[in-house]
PDB file of N, CA and C in Angstrom:
ATOM      1  N   MET A   1       0.452  -1.400  -0.194  1.00  0.00           N
ATOM      2  CA  MET A   1       0.040  -0.075   0.155  1.00  0.00           C
ATOM      3  C   MET A   1       1.198   0.928  -0.051  1.00  0.00           C
ATOM      4  N   LYS A   2       0.139   2.412  -0.642  1.00  0.00           N
ATOM      5  CA  LYS A   2       0.836   3.622  -0.146  1.00  0.00           C
ATOM      6  C   LYS A   2       1.294   3.818   0.730  1.00  0.00           C
ATOM      7  N   SER A   3       1.615   4.566   0.770  1.00  0.00           N
ATOM      8  CA  SER A   3       2.101   5.750   2.275  1.00  0.00           C
ATOM      9  C   SER A   3       0.886   6.785   2.299  1.00  0.00           C
ATOM     10  N   ASN A   4       0.542   7.304   0.958  1.00  0.00           N
ATOM     11  CA  ASN A   4      -0.711   8.463   1.057  1.00  0.00           C
ATOM     12  C   ASN A   4      -2.333   8.003   0.703  1.00  0.00           C
ATOM     13  N   ALA A   5      -2.709   6.625   1.217  1.00  0.00           N
ATOM     14  CA  ALA A   5      -3.549   6.057   0.286  1.00  0.00           C
ATOM     15  C   ALA A   5      -4.615   6.509   1.347  1.00  0.00           C
ATOM     16  N   ARG A   6      -3.543   6.040   3.114  1.00  0.00           N
ATOM     17  CA  ARG A   6      -5.273   6.638   4.500  1.00  0.00           C
ATOM     18  C   ARG A   6      -5.348   7.722   4.465  1.00  0.00           C
ATOM     19  N   CYS A   7      -4.316   8.983   3.085  1.00  0.00           N
ATOM     20  CA  CYS A   7      -5.285  10.062   3.367  1.00  0.00           C
ATOM     21  C   CYS A   7      -5.879  10.491   2.526  1.00  0.00           C
ATOM     22  N   TRP A   8      -6.862   9.789   1.008  1.00  0.00           N
ATOM     23  CA  TRP A   8      -7.978   9.235   0.745  1.00  0.00           C
ATOM     24  C   TRP A   8      -9.144   9.160   1.212  1.00  0.00           C
ATOM     25  N   THR A   9      -8.892   8.141   1.968  1.00  0.00           N
ATOM     26  CA  THR A   9      -9.787   7.731   2.692  1.00  0.00           C
ATOM     27  C   THR A   9     -10.933   8.549   3.071  1.00  0.00           C
ATOM     28  N   PRO A  10     -10.762   9.890   3.982  1.00  0.00           N
ATOM     29  CA  PRO A  10     -11.659  10.807   4.483  1.00  0.00           C
ATOM     30  C   PRO A  10     -12.594  11.507   2.995  1.00  0.00           C
ATOM     31  N   GLN A  11     -11.806  11.734   1.843  1.00  0.00           N
ATOM     32  CA  GLN A  11     -12.746  12.838   1.153  1.00  0.00           C
ATOM     33  C   GLN A  11     -13.350  11.529   0.176  1.00  0.00           C
ATOM     34  N   ALA A  12     -12.985  10.553   0.283  1.00  0.00           N
ATOM     35  CA  ALA A  12     -13.870   9.279  -0.255  1.00  0.00           C
ATOM     36  C   ALA A  12     -15.211   8.904   0.563  1.00  0.00           C
ATOM     37  N   ALA A  13     -15.052   9.135   1.856  1.00  0.00           N
ATOM     38  CA  ALA A  13     -15.824   8.899   2.959  1.00  0.00           C
ATOM     39  C   ALA A  13     -17.188  10.342   2.216  1.00  0.00           C
ATOM     40  N   ALA A  14     -16.650  11.406   2.538  1.00  0.00           N
ATOM     41  CA  ALA A  14     -17.245  12.097   2.803  1.00  0.00           C
ATOM     42  C   ALA A  14     -17.944  12.888   0.681  1.00  0.00           C
ATOM     43  N   LEU A  15     -17.589  12.404  -0.065  1.00  0.00           N
ATOM     44  CA  LEU A  15     -18.235  12.304  -0.997  1.00  0.00           C
ATOM     45  C   LEU A  15     -19.557  11.334  -0.957  1.00  0.00           C
ATOM     46  N   LEU A  16     -19.060  10.548  -0.829  1.00  0.00           N
ATOM     47  CA  LEU A  16     -20.282   9.055  -0.447  1.00  0.00           C
ATOM     48  C   LEU A  16     -21.223   9.558   0.160  1.00  0.00           C
ATOM     49  N   ILE A  17     -21.232  10.751   1.229  1.00  0.00           N
ATOM     50  CA  ILE A  17     -22.401  11.097   1.922  1.00  0.00           C
ATOM     51  C   ILE A  17     -23.087  12.092   1.587  1.00  0.00           C
ATOM     52  N   VAL A  18     -22.145  12.897   0.591  1.00  0.00           N
ATOM     53  CA  VAL A  18     -22.884  13.642  -0.180  1.00  0.00           C
ATOM     54  C   VAL A  18     -23.933  13.463  -1.075  1.00  0.00           C
ATOM     55  N   MET A  19     -23.104  12.121  -1.705  1.00  0.00           N
ATOM     56  CA  MET A  19     -23.711  11.575  -2.846  1.00  0.00           C
ATOM     57  C   MET A  19     -25.004  11.011  -2.578  1.00  0.00           C
ATOM     58  N   LEU A  20     -25.183  10.096  -0.934  1.00  0.00           N
ATOM     59  CA  LEU A  20     -26.499   9.914  -0.612  1.00  0.00           C
ATOM     60  C   LEU A  20     -27.333  11.518  -0.188  1.00  0.00           C
ATOM     61  N   LEU A  21     -26.877  12.189   0.454  1.00  0.00           N
ATOM     62  CA  LEU A  21     -27.948  13.356   0.822  1.00  0.00           C
ATOM     63  C   LEU A  21     -28.390  14.129  -0.657  1.00  0.00           C
ATOM     64  N   LEU A  22     -27.928  13.509  -2.021  1.00  0.00           N
ATOM     65  CA  LEU A  22     -27.833  15.007  -2.581  1.00  0.00           C
ATOM     66  C   LEU A  22     -29.269  13.086  -3.230  1.00  0.00           C
ATOM     67  N   SER A  23     -29.253  12.353  -3.343  1.00  0.00           N
ATOM     68  CA  SER A  23     -29.498  11.409  -3.711  1.00  0.00           C
ATOM     69  C   SER A  23     -31.303  11.243  -2.872  1.00  0.00           C
ATOM     70  N   ALA A  24     -30.577  11.403  -1.566  1.00  0.00           N
ATOM     71  CA  ALA A  24     -32.662  11.356  -1.437  1.00  0.00           C
ATOM     72  C   ALA A  24     -33.231  12.579  -1.009  1.00  0.00           C
ATOM     73  N   CYS A  25     -32.391  13.552  -1.356  1.00  0.00           N
ATOM     74  CA  CYS A  25     -33.339  14.794  -2.276  1.00  0.00           C
ATOM     75  C   CYS A  25     -34.086  14.919  -3.093  1.00  0.00           C
ATOM     76  N   ALA A  26     -33.189  13.980  -4.170  1.00  0.00           N
ATOM     77  CA  ALA A  26     -34.395  13.860  -5.389  1.00  0.00           C
ATOM     78  C   ALA A  26     -35.710  12.965  -5.532  1.00  0.00           C
ATOM     79  N   MET A  27     -35.273  12.009  -4.198  1.00  0.00           N
ATOM     80  CA  MET A  27     -36.892  11.613  -4.420  1.00  0.00           C
ATOM     81  C   MET A  27     -37.784  12.184  -3.639  1.00  0.00           C
ATOM     82  N   VAL A  28     -37.676  12.782  -3.392  1.00  0.00           N
ATOM     83  CA  VAL A  28     -38.779  13.611  -2.556  1.00  0.00           C
ATOM     84  C   VAL A  28     -39.476  15.022  -3.526  1.00  0.00           C
ATOM     85  N   GLY A  29     -39.034  15.399  -4.191  1.00  0.00           N
ATOM     86  CA  GLY A  29     -38.795  16.871  -5.393  1.00  0.00           C
ATOM     87  C   GLY A  29     -39.861  15.285  -6.218  1.00  0.00           C
ATOM     88  N   SER A  30     -39.504  13.632  -6.041  1.00  0.00           N
ATOM     89  CA  SER A  30     -40.612  12.973  -6.886  1.00  0.00           C
ATOM     90  C   SER A  30     -41.251  12.894  -7.175  1.00  0.00           C
ATOM     91  N   GLU A  31     -41.717  12.894  -5.669  1.00  0.00           N
ATOM     92  CA  GLU A  31     -43.333  12.457  -5.157  1.00  0.00           C
ATOM     93  C   GLU A  31     -44.090  13.573  -5.575  1.00  0.00           C
ATOM     94  N   GLN A  32     -43.689  14.635  -5.270  1.00  0.00           N
ATOM     95  CA  GLN A  32     -44.596  15.799  -5.610  1.00  0.00           C
ATOM     96  C   GLN A  32     -45.388  15.699  -6.468  1.00  0.00           C
ATOM     97  N   GLN A  33     -46.563  16.285  -6.566  1.00  0.00           N
ATOM     98  CA  GLN A  33     -47.904  16.203  -8.097  1.00  0.00           C
ATOM     99  C   GLN A  33     -48.015  17.763  -7.590  1.00  0.00           C
ATOM    100  N   ALA A  34     -47.430  18.053  -9.221  1.00  0.00           N
ATOM    101  CA  ALA A  34     -47.706  19.492  -9.305  1.00  0.00           C
ATOM    102  C   ALA A  34     -49.215  20.147  -9.404  1.00  0.00           C
ATOM    103  N   PRO A  35     -49.899  20.842  -8.676  1.00  0.00           N
ATOM    104  CA  PRO A  35     -51.190  21.307  -8.365  1.00  0.00           C
ATOM    105  C   PRO A  35     -52.067  21.376 -10.072  1.00  0.00           C
ATOM    106  N   CYS A  36     -53.183  21.303  -9.693  1.00  0.00           N
ATOM    107  CA  CYS A  36     -54.058  21.128 -10.440  1.00  0.00           C
ATOM    108  C   CYS A  36     -54.279  22.949 -10.959  1.00  0.00           C
ATOM    109  N   PRO A  37     -54.950  23.378 -12.117  1.00  0.00           N
ATOM    110  CA  PRO A  37     -54.687  24.826 -13.386  1.00  0.00           C
ATOM    111  C   PRO A  37     -55.928  24.745 -12.366  1.00  0.00           C
ATOM    112  N   PRO A  38     -56.353  26.254 -12.031  1.00  0.00           N
ATOM    113  CA  PRO A  38     -58.408  26.256 -11.841  1.00  0.00           C
ATOM    114  C   PRO A  38     -58.240  27.069 -13.409  1.00  0.00           C
ATOM    115  N   VAL A  39     -60.205  25.941 -13.435  1.00  0.00           N
ATOM    116  CA  VAL A  39     -61.059  25.910 -15.354  1.00  0.00           C
ATOM    117  C   VAL A  39     -61.964  26.694 -14.584  1.00  0.00           C
ATOM    118  N   VAL A  40     -61.417  27.871 -15.680  1.00  0.00           N
ATOM    119  CA  VAL A  40     -62.125  29.384 -15.959  1.00  0.00           C
ATOM    120  C   VAL A  40     -63.823  29.084 -16.164  1.00  0.00           C
ATOM    121  N   GLN A  41     -64.568  28.979 -15.678  1.00  0.00           N
ATOM    122  CA  GLN A  41     -66.355  29.404 -15.991  1.00  0.00           C
ATOM    123  C   GLN A  41     -66.544  30.112 -16.567  1.00  0.00           C
ATOM    124  N   TYR A  42     -66.617  29.855 -18.642  1.00  0.00           N
ATOM    125  CA  TYR A  42     -67.817  31.021 -19.072  1.00  0.00           C
ATOM    126  C   TYR A  42     -69.023  30.903 -19.133  1.00  0.00           C
ATOM    127  N   THR A  43     -69.988  32.416 -19.605  1.00  0.00           N
ATOM    128  CA  THR A  43     -70.980  32.200 -19.268  1.00  0.00           C
ATOM    129  C   THR A  43     -71.875  31.640 -20.279  1.00  0.00           C
ATOM    130  N   SER A  44     -72.680  31.511 -21.599  1.00  0.00           N
ATOM    131  CA  SER A  44     -73.263  30.691 -22.309  1.00  0.00           C
ATOM    132  C   SER A  44     -73.242  32.242 -23.192  1.00  0.00           C
ATOM    133  N   ALA A  45     -73.724  33.676 -22.965  1.00  0.00           N
ATOM    134  CA  ALA A  45     -73.059  34.714 -23.493  1.00  0.00           C
ATOM    135  C   ALA A  45     -71.905  34.823 -23.977  1.00  0.00           C
ATOM    136  N   GLU A  46     -70.467  34.306 -23.194  1.00  0.00           N
ATOM    137  CA  GLU A  46     -69.620  34.696 -23.636  1.00  0.00           C
ATOM    138  C   GLU A  46     -69.199  33.417 -24.592  1.00  0.00           C
ATOM    139  N   GLN A  47     -69.263  32.394 -24.357  1.00  0.00           N
ATOM    140  CA  GLN A  47     -69.353  31.211 -25.278  1.00  0.00           C
ATOM    141  C   GLN A  47     -69.460  31.552 -26.503  1.00  0.00           C
ATOM    142  N   ALA A  48     -71.575  31.823 -26.964  1.00  0.00           N
ATOM    143  CA  ALA A  48     -71.980  32.069 -27.827  1.00  0.00           C
ATOM    144  C   ALA A  48     -71.513  33.177 -28.707  1.00  0.00           C
ATOM    145  N   ARG A  49     -70.665  34.360 -27.732  1.00  0.00           N
ATOM    146  CA  ARG A  49     -69.878  35.849 -28.683  1.00  0.00           C
ATOM    147  C   ARG A  49     -68.261  34.339 -29.225  1.00  0.00           C
ATOM    148  N   ALA A  50     -67.890  34.531 -28.291  1.00  0.00           N
ATOM    149  CA  ALA A  50     -66.851  33.322 -28.833  1.00  0.00           C
ATOM    150  C   ALA A  50     -66.457  32.471 -30.353  1.00  0.00           C
ATOM    151  N   ALA A  51     -68.211  31.768 -30.091  1.00  0.00           N
ATOM    152  CA  ALA A  51     -68.752  31.127 -31.663  1.00  0.00           C
ATOM    153  C   ALA A  51     -68.421  31.810 -32.237  1.00  0.00           C
ATOM    154  N   ASP A  52     -69.212  33.256 -32.104  1.00  0.00           N
ATOM    155  CA  ASP A  52     -69.020  33.963 -32.760  1.00  0.00           C
ATOM    156  C   ASP A  52     -68.219  33.981 -33.982  1.00  0.00           C
ATOM    157  N   GLU A  53     -67.235  34.676 -33.302  1.00  0.00           N
ATOM    158  CA  GLU A  53     -65.884  35.479 -33.738  1.00  0.00           C
ATOM    159  C   GLU A  53     -65.177  34.693 -34.210  1.00  0.00           C
ATOM    160  N   VAL A  54     -64.627  33.010 -33.874  1.00  0.00           N
ATOM    161  CA  VAL A  54     -64.163  31.771 -33.986  1.00  0.00           C
ATOM    162  C   VAL A  54     -64.649  31.790 -35.817  1.00  0.00           C
ATOM    163  N   ASP A  55     -66.636  32.137 -36.322  1.00  0.00           N
ATOM    164  CA  ASP A  55     -67.111  31.568 -37.481  1.00  0.00           C
ATOM    165  C   ASP A  55     -66.445  32.702 -38.099  1.00  0.00           C
ATOM    166  N   ALA A  56     -66.078  33.686 -37.656  1.00  0.00           N
ATOM    167  CA  ALA A  56     -66.475  35.172 -38.717  1.00  0.00           C
ATOM    168  C   ALA A  56     -64.771  35.043 -38.729  1.00  0.00           C
ATOM    169  N   LEU A  57     -63.455  33.984 -39.071  1.00  0.00           N
ATOM    170  CA  LEU A  57     -62.315  33.935 -39.135  1.00  0.00           C
ATOM    171  C   LEU A  57     -62.128  33.323 -40.167  1.00  0.00           C
ATOM    172  N   PRO A  58     -60.918  33.423 -40.882  1.00  0.00           N
ATOM    173  CA  PRO A  58     -60.651  33.444 -42.084  1.00  0.00           C
ATOM    174  C   PRO A  58     -60.591  31.576 -42.417  1.00  0.00           C
ATOM    175  N   GLU A  59     -61.096  30.950 -43.530  1.00  0.00           N
ATOM    176  CA  GLU A  59     -60.323  29.578 -43.606  1.00  0.00           C
ATOM    177  C   GLU A  59     -59.066  29.351 -43.174  1.00  0.00           C
ATOM    178  N   GLY A  60     -58.474  28.331 -42.293  1.00  0.00           N
ATOM    179  CA  GLY A  60     -57.880  28.096 -42.087  1.00  0.00           C
ATOM    180  C   GLY A  60     -56.866  28.667 -40.281  1.00  0.00           C
ATOM    181  N   ALA A  61     -57.401  29.590 -40.999  1.00  0.00           N
ATOM    182  CA  ALA A  61     -56.579  30.442 -39.327  1.00  0.00           C
ATOM    183  C   ALA A  61     -56.044  30.261 -38.224  1.00  0.00           C
ATOM    184  N   MET A  62     -54.809  30.643 -37.755  1.00  0.00           N
ATOM    185  CA  MET A  62     -53.798  29.391 -36.924  1.00  0.00           C
ATOM    186  C   MET A  62     -54.932  29.852 -35.364  1.00  0.00           C
ATOM    187  N   VAL A  63     -55.881  30.307 -34.790  1.00  0.00           N
ATOM    188  CA  VAL A  63     -55.799  30.901 -34.135  1.00  0.00           C
ATOM    189  C   VAL A  63     -57.219  29.905 -33.791  1.00  0.00           C
ATOM    190  N   VAL A  64     -57.908  29.129 -34.282  1.00  0.00           N
ATOM    191  CA  VAL A  64     -59.362  27.447 -34.213  1.00  0.00           C
ATOM    192  C   VAL A  64     -57.355  27.179 -33.653  1.00  0.00           C
ATOM    193  N   ARG A  65     -57.042  26.887 -34.701  1.00  0.00           N
ATOM    194  CA  ARG A  65     -55.972  24.404 -34.283  1.00  0.00           C
ATOM    195  C   ARG A  65     -55.971  25.237 -32.761  1.00  0.00           C
ATOM    196  N   MET A  66     -55.054  27.496 -32.372  1.00  0.00           N
ATOM    197  CA  MET A  66     -54.656  27.060 -30.843  1.00  0.00           C
ATOM    198  C   MET A  66     -55.858  26.709 -30.043  1.00  0.00           C
ATOM    199  N   LEU A  67     -57.246  27.111 -30.379  1.00  0.00           N
ATOM    200  CA  LEU A  67     -58.475  27.302 -29.071  1.00  0.00           C
ATOM    201  C   LEU A  67     -58.627  25.850 -29.256  1.00  0.00           C
ATOM    202  N   GLY A  68     -58.178  24.626 -30.102  1.00  0.00           N
ATOM    203  CA  GLY A  68     -58.823  23.333 -30.017  1.00  0.00           C
ATOM    204  C   GLY A  68     -57.174  22.717 -29.574  1.00  0.00           C
ATOM    205  N   ASP A  69     -56.003  22.643 -29.461  1.00  0.00           N
ATOM    206  CA  ASP A  69     -54.880  22.765 -28.196  1.00  0.00           C
ATOM    207  C   ASP A  69     -55.985  23.343 -26.709  1.00  0.00           C
ATOM    208  N   PHE A  70     -55.985  24.555 -26.375  1.00  0.00           N
ATOM    209  CA  PHE A  70     -56.606  24.834 -25.755  1.00  0.00           C
ATOM    210  C   PHE A  70     -57.948  24.309 -25.204  1.00  0.00           C
ATOM    211  N   ALA A  71     -58.402  23.943 -25.767  1.00  0.00           N
ATOM    212  CA  ALA A  71     -59.555  22.877 -25.381  1.00  0.00           C
ATOM    213  C   ALA A  71     -59.002  21.234 -24.752  1.00  0.00           C
ATOM    214  N   VAL A  72     -58.432  20.547 -25.468  1.00  0.00           N
ATOM    215  CA  VAL A  72     -57.464  19.566 -24.561  1.00  0.00           C
ATOM    216  C   VAL A  72     -57.059  19.946 -23.082  1.00  0.00           C
ATOM    217  N   LEU A  73     -56.345  21.231 -22.502  1.00  0.00           N
ATOM    218  CA  LEU A  73     -55.846  21.608 -21.316  1.00  0.00           C
ATOM    219  C   LEU A  73     -56.647  22.031 -21.077  1.00  0.00           C
ATOM    220  N   ARG A  74     -57.828  22.344 -21.156  1.00  0.00           N
ATOM    221  CA  ARG A  74     -58.885  22.243 -20.375  1.00  0.00           C
ATOM    222  C   ARG A  74     -59.725  21.086 -19.442  1.00  0.00           C
ATOM    223  N   ASP A  75     -59.530  20.281 -20.465  1.00  0.00           N
ATOM    224  CA  ASP A  75     -60.540  19.179 -20.261  1.00  0.00           C
ATOM    225  C   ASP A  75     -59.851  18.120 -20.039  1.00  0.00           C
ATOM    226  N   GLN A  76     -58.027  18.836 -19.362  1.00  0.00           N
ATOM    227  CA  GLN A  76     -56.716  17.864 -18.823  1.00  0.00           C
ATOM    228  C   GLN A  76     -56.883  17.775 -17.772  1.00  0.00           C
ATOM    229  N   ALA A  77     -57.449  19.676 -17.712  1.00  0.00           N
ATOM    230  CA  ALA A  77     -57.181  19.962 -16.484  1.00  0.00           C
ATOM    231  C   ALA A  77     -58.276  20.195 -15.539  1.00  0.00           C
ATOM    232  N   ARG A  78     -59.699  19.660 -15.424  1.00  0.00           N
ATOM    233  CA  ARG A  78     -60.747  18.599 -15.164  1.00  0.00           C
ATOM    234  C   ARG A  78     -60.874  17.043 -15.081  1.00  0.00           C
ATOM    235  N   ALA A  79     -59.803  17.054 -15.275  1.00  0.00           N
ATOM    236  CA  ALA A  79     -59.407  15.503 -15.426  1.00  0.00           C
ATOM    237  C   ALA A  79     -58.932  15.649 -13.791  1.00  0.00           C
ATOM    238  N   CYS A  80     -57.832  16.319 -13.817  1.00  0.00           N
ATOM    239  CA  CYS A  80     -57.078  16.732 -12.833  1.00  0.00           C
ATOM    240  C   CYS A  80     -56.987  16.409 -11.518  1.00  0.00           C
ATOM    241  N   LYS A  81     -58.337  16.824 -11.324  1.00  0.00           N
ATOM    242  CA  LYS A  81     -58.483  16.908  -9.753  1.00  0.00           C
ATOM    243  C   LYS A  81     -58.607  15.186  -9.270  1.00  0.00           C
TER     244      LYS A  81
END
């Protein structure tokens, strides 16, 4: 055995302890669930107005595709509870 072999033992032990502590912290974060976002309720009048505005958009408008994505997100938020 080399004469300096014992000098490395405390550093290796300290590294092992730090790694164990960090891995324990990582597990705590993975168990937490993100809170569900609130789903905004719209009145019938607001929904009718939005439908009229969507109908007035030109064919193939990007906003229509984005509204479809928004509808999926709203459904996911409702199911999150």
